[in-house]
Amino acid sequence: MATRSERAEAVRKLVREAHHGLLSTAGLEPAGIPYGSLVPVASTEEGLPLLLVSHLAQRCVCTLSLGTRSVA
């Protein structure tokens, strides 16, 4: 069985090698219908994921309306 450290490194490697991810939210119109789209991704040197999204996208509008966004 892999140790916690080995599992964490495997996840960091997966994030480093990813080029696209799926970002989903509940749509505004029609209300509550899942809305997902591919987004380009990158990662920091520490392996933290960075999602590159546009403020024009519906998923961003939904997130902003909920007040749950994080902007670095």
C-alpha atoms as a PDB file:
ATOM      1  CA  MET A   1       0.000   0.000   0.000  1.00  0.00           C
ATOM      2  CA  ALA A   2       1.286   3.465  -0.902  1.00  0.00           C
ATOM      3  CA  THR A   3       2.106   5.855   1.908  1.00  0.00           C
ATOM      4  CA  ARG A   4       0.338   9.184   2.284  1.00  0.00           C
ATOM      5  CA  SER A   5       3.443  10.937   0.943  1.00  0.00           C
ATOM      6  CA  GLU A   6       3.530   8.676  -2.129  1.00  0.00           C
ATOM      7  CA  ARG A   7      -0.156   9.298  -2.817  1.00  0.00           C
ATOM      8  CA  ALA A   8       0.344  13.062  -2.451  1.00  0.00           C
ATOM      9  CA  GLU A   9       3.258  12.982  -4.903  1.00  0.00           C
ATOM     10  CA  ALA A  10       1.162  10.980  -7.380  1.00  0.00           C
ATOM     11  CA  VAL A  11      -1.570  13.655  -7.229  1.00  0.00           C
ATOM     12  CA  ARG A  12       0.978  16.476  -7.672  1.00  0.00           C
ATOM     13  CA  LYS A  13       2.398  14.649 -10.703  1.00  0.00           C
ATOM     14  CA  LEU A  14      -1.088  14.273 -12.189  1.00  0.00           C
ATOM     15  CA  VAL A  15      -1.770  18.008 -11.722  1.00  0.00           C
ATOM     16  CA  ARG A  16       1.629  18.961 -13.218  1.00  0.00           C
ATOM     17  CA  GLU A  17       1.004  16.849 -16.322  1.00  0.00           C
ATOM     18  CA  ALA A  18      -2.611  17.946 -16.906  1.00  0.00           C
ATOM     19  CA  HIS A  19      -3.359  20.473 -19.630  1.00  0.00           C
ATOM     20  CA  HIS A  20      -7.156  20.614 -19.288  1.00  0.00           C
ATOM     21  CA  GLY A  21      -9.673  20.155 -16.521  1.00  0.00           C
ATOM     22  CA  LEU A  22     -13.452  20.164 -16.173  1.00  0.00           C
ATOM     23  CA  LEU A  23     -15.027  22.954 -14.170  1.00  0.00           C
ATOM     24  CA  SER A  24     -18.716  22.533 -13.396  1.00  0.00           C
ATOM     25  CA  THR A  25     -21.345  24.522 -11.564  1.00  0.00           C
ATOM     26  CA  ALA A  26     -25.123  24.712 -11.335  1.00  0.00           C
ATOM     27  CA  GLY A  27     -26.353  26.845 -14.232  1.00  0.00           C
ATOM     28  CA  LEU A  28     -28.347  30.041 -13.856  1.00  0.00           C
ATOM     29  CA  GLU A  29     -30.590  29.519 -16.899  1.00  0.00           C
ATOM     30  CA  PRO A  30     -32.272  27.097 -16.588  1.00  0.00           C
ATOM     31  CA  ALA A  31     -31.699  27.195 -12.843  1.00  0.00           C
ATOM     32  CA  GLY A  32     -29.842  24.302 -11.263  1.00  0.00           C
ATOM     33  CA  ILE A  33     -28.951  22.435 -14.460  1.00  0.00           C
ATOM     34  CA  PRO A  34     -25.294  21.324 -14.312  1.00  0.00           C
ATOM     35  CA  TYR A  35     -23.047  23.368 -16.577  1.00  0.00           C
ATOM     36  CA  GLY A  36     -19.531  22.140 -17.252  1.00  0.00           C
ATOM     37  CA  SER A  37     -16.753  23.141 -19.581  1.00  0.00           C
ATOM     38  CA  LEU A  38     -13.121  22.396 -20.256  1.00  0.00           C
ATOM     39  CA  VAL A  39     -10.631  24.873 -18.829  1.00  0.00           C
ATOM     40  CA  PRO A  40      -6.891  25.122 -19.332  1.00  0.00           C
ATOM     41  CA  VAL A  41      -4.946  24.283 -16.186  1.00  0.00           C
ATOM     42  CA  ALA A  42      -1.432  24.778 -14.910  1.00  0.00           C
ATOM     43  CA  SER A  43       0.245  24.237 -11.568  1.00  0.00           C
ATOM     44  CA  THR A  44       2.619  25.967  -9.215  1.00  0.00           C
ATOM     45  CA  GLU A  45       6.022  24.508  -8.407  1.00  0.00           C
ATOM     46  CA  GLU A  46       4.432  23.057  -5.261  1.00  0.00           C
ATOM     47  CA  GLY A  47       1.846  21.219  -7.365  1.00  0.00           C
ATOM     48  CA  LEU A  48      -1.113  23.460  -6.531  1.00  0.00           C
ATOM     49  CA  PRO A  49      -3.613  23.601  -9.415  1.00  0.00           C
ATOM     50  CA  LEU A  50      -4.287  26.841 -11.273  1.00  0.00           C
ATOM     51  CA  LEU A  51      -7.519  27.059 -13.270  1.00  0.00           C
ATOM     52  CA  LEU A  52      -7.527  29.664 -16.017  1.00  0.00           C
ATOM     53  CA  VAL A  53     -11.062  31.036 -16.391  1.00  0.00           C
ATOM     54  CA  SER A  54     -12.699  34.035 -18.021  1.00  0.00           C
ATOM     55  CA  HIS A  55     -14.960  36.444 -16.171  1.00  0.00           C
ATOM     56  CA  LEU A  56     -17.243  36.237 -19.212  1.00  0.00           C
ATOM     57  CA  ALA A  57     -17.952  32.533 -18.774  1.00  0.00           C
ATOM     58  CA  GLN A  58     -21.284  31.417 -17.270  1.00  0.00           C
ATOM     59  CA  ARG A  59     -19.458  29.276 -14.715  1.00  0.00           C
ATOM     60  CA  CYS A  60     -17.712  32.386 -13.409  1.00  0.00           C
ATOM     61  CA  VAL A  61     -20.981  34.335 -13.230  1.00  0.00           C
ATOM     62  CA  CYS A  62     -22.522  31.497 -11.217  1.00  0.00           C
ATOM     63  CA  THR A  63     -19.573  31.355  -8.840  1.00  0.00           C
ATOM     64  CA  LEU A  64     -19.520  35.136  -8.427  1.00  0.00           C
ATOM     65  CA  SER A  65     -23.246  35.157  -7.646  1.00  0.00           C
ATOM     66  CA  LEU A  66     -22.609  32.659  -4.832  1.00  0.00           C
ATOM     67  CA  GLY A  67     -19.719  34.672  -3.452  1.00  0.00           C
ATOM     68  CA  THR A  68     -17.430  31.635  -3.373  1.00  0.00           C
ATOM     69  CA  ARG A  69     -14.682  32.636  -5.765  1.00  0.00           C
ATOM     70  CA  SER A  70     -11.028  32.965  -4.981  1.00  0.00           C
ATOM     71  CA  VAL A  71      -8.792  35.272  -7.004  1.00  0.00           C
ATOM     72  CA  ALA A  72      -5.056  35.245  -6.529  1.00  0.00           C
END
